[in-house]
Amino acid sequence: MDRWRGTGECFDGRYFYGWGNLLVRDPGISAMTEVIDRLVASGDYTSALRPIGTAED
């Protein structure tokens, strides 16, 4: 995340995602909301977030 602060990747190092996780650097709901909003706006949410199934599953 520190590396991406300078490159601008991952919203200037504010998040990291891997299989089954999304880590947000700053604590709090507002920081998490900001990262998710950015993921949706850029279209990267399809890579960072994955469906867990329907209520019927």
PDB file of N, CA and C in Angstrom:
ATOM      1  N   MET A   1       0.821  -1.184   0.000  1.00  0.00           N
ATOM      2  CA  MET A   1       0.000   0.000   0.000  1.00  0.00           C
ATOM      3  C   MET A   1       0.874   1.260   0.000  1.00  0.00           C
ATOM      4  N   ASP A   2       1.972   1.208   0.717  1.00  0.00           N
ATOM      5  CA  ASP A   2       2.880   2.359   0.722  1.00  0.00           C
ATOM      6  C   ASP A   2       3.440   2.620  -0.676  1.00  0.00           C
ATOM      7  N   ARG A   3       3.746   1.561  -1.391  1.00  0.00           N
ATOM      8  CA  ARG A   3       4.287   1.686  -2.739  1.00  0.00           C
ATOM      9  C   ARG A   3       3.299   2.411  -3.651  1.00  0.00           C
ATOM     10  N   TRP A   4       2.017   2.140  -3.487  1.00  0.00           N
ATOM     11  CA  TRP A   4       1.000   2.706  -4.368  1.00  0.00           C
ATOM     12  C   TRP A   4       0.650   4.147  -4.029  1.00  0.00           C
ATOM     13  N   ARG A   5       1.047   4.631  -2.871  1.00  0.00           N
ATOM     14  CA  ARG A   5       0.803   6.036  -2.539  1.00  0.00           C
ATOM     15  C   ARG A   5       1.438   6.958  -3.568  1.00  0.00           C
ATOM     16  N   GLY A   6       2.631   6.607  -4.013  1.00  0.00           N
ATOM     17  CA  GLY A   6       3.345   7.445  -4.968  1.00  0.00           C
ATOM     18  C   GLY A   6       2.941   7.224  -6.417  1.00  0.00           C
ATOM     19  N   THR A   7       2.429   6.039  -6.731  1.00  0.00           N
ATOM     20  CA  THR A   7       2.098   5.728  -8.122  1.00  0.00           C
ATOM     21  C   THR A   7       0.667   6.083  -8.481  1.00  0.00           C
ATOM     22  N   GLY A   8      -0.186   6.258  -7.475  1.00  0.00           N
ATOM     23  CA  GLY A   8      -1.592   6.556  -7.741  1.00  0.00           C
ATOM     24  C   GLY A   8      -2.456   5.322  -7.881  1.00  0.00           C
ATOM     25  N   GLU A   9      -1.838   4.154  -7.869  1.00  0.00           N
ATOM     26  CA  GLU A   9      -2.612   2.918  -7.973  1.00  0.00           C
ATOM     27  C   GLU A   9      -3.424   2.695  -6.706  1.00  0.00           C
ATOM     28  N   CYS A  10      -4.483   1.942  -6.843  1.00  0.00           N
ATOM     29  CA  CYS A  10      -5.344   1.578  -5.710  1.00  0.00           C
ATOM     30  C   CYS A  10      -5.762   2.806  -4.909  1.00  0.00           C
ATOM     31  N   PHE A  11      -6.189   3.838  -5.665  1.00  0.00           N
ATOM     32  CA  PHE A  11      -6.677   5.068  -5.036  1.00  0.00           C
ATOM     33  C   PHE A  11      -5.619   5.637  -4.095  1.00  0.00           C
ATOM     34  N   ASP A  12      -4.417   5.783  -4.631  1.00  0.00           N
ATOM     35  CA  ASP A  12      -3.249   6.296  -3.897  1.00  0.00           C
ATOM     36  C   ASP A  12      -2.888   5.451  -2.681  1.00  0.00           C
ATOM     37  N   GLY A  13      -3.014   4.137  -2.819  1.00  0.00           N
ATOM     38  CA  GLY A  13      -2.639   3.221  -1.750  1.00  0.00           C
ATOM     39  C   GLY A  13      -3.642   3.138  -0.622  1.00  0.00           C
ATOM     40  N   ARG A  14      -4.879   3.531  -0.876  1.00  0.00           N
ATOM     41  CA  ARG A  14      -5.889   3.501   0.191  1.00  0.00           C
ATOM     42  C   ARG A  14      -6.543   2.148   0.365  1.00  0.00           C
ATOM     43  N   TYR A  15      -6.319   1.229  -0.590  1.00  0.00           N
ATOM     44  CA  TYR A  15      -6.902  -0.104  -0.438  1.00  0.00           C
ATOM     45  C   TYR A  15      -6.033  -1.149  -1.109  1.00  0.00           C
ATOM     46  N   PHE A  16      -6.298  -2.380  -0.747  1.00  0.00           N
ATOM     47  CA  PHE A  16      -5.665  -3.549  -1.345  1.00  0.00           C
ATOM     48  C   PHE A  16      -6.718  -4.634  -1.382  1.00  0.00           C
ATOM     49  N   TYR A  17      -6.756  -5.381  -2.463  1.00  0.00           N
ATOM     50  CA  TYR A  17      -7.673  -6.504  -2.494  1.00  0.00           C
ATOM     51  C   TYR A  17      -6.986  -7.752  -2.992  1.00  0.00           C
ATOM     52  N   GLY A  18      -7.452  -8.854  -2.496  1.00  0.00           N
ATOM     53  CA  GLY A  18      -6.984 -10.167  -2.897  1.00  0.00           C
ATOM     54  C   GLY A  18      -8.182 -11.095  -2.929  1.00  0.00           C
ATOM     55  N   TRP A  19      -7.934 -12.359  -3.081  1.00  0.00           N
ATOM     56  CA  TRP A  19      -9.039 -13.313  -3.135  1.00  0.00           C
ATOM     57  C   TRP A  19      -9.786 -13.335  -1.801  1.00  0.00           C
ATOM     58  N   GLY A  20     -11.002 -12.858  -1.819  1.00  0.00           N
ATOM     59  CA  GLY A  20     -11.843 -12.917  -0.630  1.00  0.00           C
ATOM     60  C   GLY A  20     -11.606 -11.830   0.395  1.00  0.00           C
ATOM     61  N   ASN A  21     -10.856 -10.767   0.037  1.00  0.00           N
ATOM     62  CA  ASN A  21     -10.666  -9.707   1.024  1.00  0.00           C
ATOM     63  C   ASN A  21     -10.488  -8.350   0.348  1.00  0.00           C
ATOM     64  N   LEU A  22     -10.863  -7.327   1.071  1.00  0.00           N
ATOM     65  CA  LEU A  22     -10.651  -5.944   0.670  1.00  0.00           C
ATOM     66  C   LEU A  22     -10.163  -5.212   1.909  1.00  0.00           C
ATOM     67  N   LEU A  23      -8.941  -4.720   1.866  1.00  0.00           N
ATOM     68  CA  LEU A  23      -8.353  -4.018   2.998  1.00  0.00           C
ATOM     69  C   LEU A  23      -8.339  -2.526   2.703  1.00  0.00           C
ATOM     70  N   VAL A  24      -8.839  -1.741   3.632  1.00  0.00           N
ATOM     71  CA  VAL A  24      -8.857  -0.289   3.496  1.00  0.00           C
ATOM     72  C   VAL A  24      -7.882   0.281   4.514  1.00  0.00           C
ATOM     73  N   ARG A  25      -6.983   1.146   4.057  1.00  0.00           N
ATOM     74  CA  ARG A  25      -5.923   1.677   4.916  1.00  0.00           C
ATOM     75  C   ARG A  25      -6.479   2.430   6.119  1.00  0.00           C
ATOM     76  N   ASP A  26      -7.392   3.343   5.884  1.00  0.00           N
ATOM     77  CA  ASP A  26      -7.895   4.193   6.964  1.00  0.00           C
ATOM     78  C   ASP A  26      -9.117   3.574   7.627  1.00  0.00           C
ATOM     79  N   PRO A  27      -9.239   3.725   8.933  1.00  0.00           N
ATOM     80  CA  PRO A  27     -10.387   3.162   9.635  1.00  0.00           C
ATOM     81  C   PRO A  27     -11.645   4.003   9.420  1.00  0.00           C
ATOM     82  N   GLY A  28     -12.773   3.382   9.613  1.00  0.00           N
ATOM     83  CA  GLY A  28     -14.034   4.103   9.604  1.00  0.00           C
ATOM     84  C   GLY A  28     -14.886   3.823   8.381  1.00  0.00           C
ATOM     85  N   ILE A  29     -16.173   4.027   8.585  1.00  0.00           N
ATOM     86  CA  ILE A  29     -17.137   3.775   7.531  1.00  0.00           C
ATOM     87  C   ILE A  29     -16.951   4.740   6.367  1.00  0.00           C
ATOM     88  N   SER A  30     -16.628   5.995   6.643  1.00  0.00           N
ATOM     89  CA  SER A  30     -16.468   6.961   5.557  1.00  0.00           C
ATOM     90  C   SER A  30     -15.303   6.585   4.646  1.00  0.00           C
ATOM     91  N   ALA A  31     -14.218   6.086   5.196  1.00  0.00           N
ATOM     92  CA  ALA A  31     -13.081   5.655   4.386  1.00  0.00           C
ATOM     93  C   ALA A  31     -13.453   4.440   3.543  1.00  0.00           C
ATOM     94  N   MET A  32     -14.174   3.498   4.137  1.00  0.00           N
ATOM     95  CA  MET A  32     -14.595   2.312   3.397  1.00  0.00           C
ATOM     96  C   MET A  32     -15.568   2.685   2.285  1.00  0.00           C
ATOM     97  N   THR A  33     -16.494   3.575   2.583  1.00  0.00           N
ATOM     98  CA  THR A  33     -17.460   4.014   1.583  1.00  0.00           C
ATOM     99  C   THR A  33     -16.769   4.723   0.427  1.00  0.00           C
ATOM    100  N   GLU A  34     -15.802   5.545   0.734  1.00  0.00           N
ATOM    101  CA  GLU A  34     -15.063   6.264  -0.295  1.00  0.00           C
ATOM    102  C   GLU A  34     -14.328   5.293  -1.231  1.00  0.00           C
ATOM    103  N   VAL A  35     -13.711   4.276  -0.674  1.00  0.00           N
ATOM    104  CA  VAL A  35     -13.003   3.290  -1.479  1.00  0.00           C
ATOM    105  C   VAL A  35     -13.992   2.519  -2.350  1.00  0.00           C
ATOM    106  N   ILE A  36     -15.096   2.072  -1.782  1.00  0.00           N
ATOM    107  CA  ILE A  36     -16.078   1.315  -2.562  1.00  0.00           C
ATOM    108  C   ILE A  36     -16.686   2.186  -3.651  1.00  0.00           C
ATOM    109  N   ASP A  37     -16.980   3.445  -3.349  1.00  0.00           N
ATOM    110  CA  ASP A  37     -17.477   4.371  -4.375  1.00  0.00           C
ATOM    111  C   ASP A  37     -16.481   4.494  -5.520  1.00  0.00           C
ATOM    112  N   ARG A  38     -15.210   4.587  -5.194  1.00  0.00           N
ATOM    113  CA  ARG A  38     -14.165   4.710  -6.225  1.00  0.00           C
ATOM    114  C   ARG A  38     -14.067   3.431  -7.052  1.00  0.00           C
ATOM    115  N   LEU A  39     -14.186   2.279  -6.393  1.00  0.00           N
ATOM    116  CA  LEU A  39     -14.163   1.008  -7.117  1.00  0.00           C
ATOM    117  C   LEU A  39     -15.333   0.899  -8.096  1.00  0.00           C
ATOM    118  N   VAL A  40     -16.500   1.323  -7.668  1.00  0.00           N
ATOM    119  CA  VAL A  40     -17.678   1.275  -8.537  1.00  0.00           C
ATOM    120  C   VAL A  40     -17.527   2.256  -9.695  1.00  0.00           C
ATOM    121  N   ALA A  41     -17.079   3.467  -9.415  1.00  0.00           N
ATOM    122  CA  ALA A  41     -16.927   4.489 -10.458  1.00  0.00           C
ATOM    123  C   ALA A  41     -15.910   4.067 -11.522  1.00  0.00           C
ATOM    124  N   SER A  42     -14.852   3.385 -11.109  1.00  0.00           N
ATOM    125  CA  SER A  42     -13.814   2.982 -12.055  1.00  0.00           C
ATOM    126  C   SER A  42     -14.114   1.645 -12.733  1.00  0.00           C
ATOM    127  N   GLY A  43     -15.083   0.904 -12.186  1.00  0.00           N
ATOM    128  CA  GLY A  43     -15.392  -0.419 -12.718  1.00  0.00           C
ATOM    129  C   GLY A  43     -14.546  -1.522 -12.113  1.00  0.00           C
ATOM    130  N   ASP A  44     -13.613  -1.164 -11.236  1.00  0.00           N
ATOM    131  CA  ASP A  44     -12.733  -2.156 -10.622  1.00  0.00           C
ATOM    132  C   ASP A  44     -13.439  -3.020  -9.577  1.00  0.00           C
ATOM    133  N   TYR A  45     -14.667  -2.676  -9.244  1.00  0.00           N
ATOM    134  CA  TYR A  45     -15.397  -3.473  -8.265  1.00  0.00           C
ATOM    135  C   TYR A  45     -15.574  -4.909  -8.750  1.00  0.00           C
ATOM    136  N   THR A  46     -15.604  -5.122 -10.060  1.00  0.00           N
ATOM    137  CA  THR A  46     -15.778  -6.481 -10.572  1.00  0.00           C
ATOM    138  C   THR A  46     -14.576  -7.362 -10.265  1.00  0.00           C
ATOM    139  N   SER A  47     -13.423  -6.763 -10.054  1.00  0.00           N
ATOM    140  CA  SER A  47     -12.230  -7.516  -9.673  1.00  0.00           C
ATOM    141  C   SER A  47     -12.068  -7.593  -8.161  1.00  0.00           C
ATOM    142  N   ALA A  48     -12.358  -6.494  -7.474  1.00  0.00           N
ATOM    143  CA  ALA A  48     -12.111  -6.403  -6.037  1.00  0.00           C
ATOM    144  C   ALA A  48     -13.187  -7.087  -5.195  1.00  0.00           C
ATOM    145  N   LEU A  49     -14.404  -7.137  -5.701  1.00  0.00           N
ATOM    146  CA  LEU A  49     -15.518  -7.724  -4.955  1.00  0.00           C
ATOM    147  C   LEU A  49     -16.046  -8.918  -5.737  1.00  0.00           C
ATOM    148  N   ARG A  50     -16.471  -9.926  -5.043  1.00  0.00           N
ATOM    149  CA  ARG A  50     -17.035 -11.079  -5.731  1.00  0.00           C
ATOM    150  C   ARG A  50     -18.340 -11.468  -5.069  1.00  0.00           C
ATOM    151  N   PRO A  51     -19.274 -11.986  -5.850  1.00  0.00           N
ATOM    152  CA  PRO A  51     -20.567 -12.371  -5.280  1.00  0.00           C
ATOM    153  C   PRO A  51     -20.422 -13.551  -4.326  1.00  0.00           C
ATOM    154  N   ILE A  52     -21.238 -13.559  -3.298  1.00  0.00           N
ATOM    155  CA  ILE A  52     -21.198 -14.658  -2.343  1.00  0.00           C
ATOM    156  C   ILE A  52     -22.383 -15.597  -2.538  1.00  0.00           C
ATOM    157  N   GLY A  53     -23.261 -15.265  -3.462  1.00  0.00           N
ATOM    158  CA  GLY A  53     -24.405 -16.127  -3.740  1.00  0.00           C
ATOM    159  C   GLY A  53     -25.703 -15.420  -3.401  1.00  0.00           C
ATOM    160  N   THR A  54     -26.770 -16.084  -3.673  1.00  0.00           N
ATOM    161  CA  THR A  54     -28.101 -15.523  -3.420  1.00  0.00           C
ATOM    162  C   THR A  54     -28.598 -15.973  -2.057  1.00  0.00           C
ATOM    163  N   ALA A  55     -29.675 -15.363  -1.619  1.00  0.00           N
ATOM    164  CA  ALA A  55     -30.266 -15.719  -0.328  1.00  0.00           C
ATOM    165  C   ALA A  55     -30.730 -17.166  -0.304  1.00  0.00           C
ATOM    166  N   GLU A  56     -31.059 -17.720  -1.473  1.00  0.00           N
ATOM    167  CA  GLU A  56     -31.553 -19.094  -1.545  1.00  0.00           C
ATOM    168  C   GLU A  56     -30.435 -20.108  -1.399  1.00  0.00           C
ATOM    169  N   ASP A  57     -29.180 -19.710  -1.655  1.00  0.00           N
ATOM    170  CA  ASP A  57     -28.068 -20.672  -1.618  1.00  0.00           C
ATOM    171  C   ASP A  57     -27.829 -21.201  -0.257  1.00  0.00           C
TER     172      ASP A  57
END
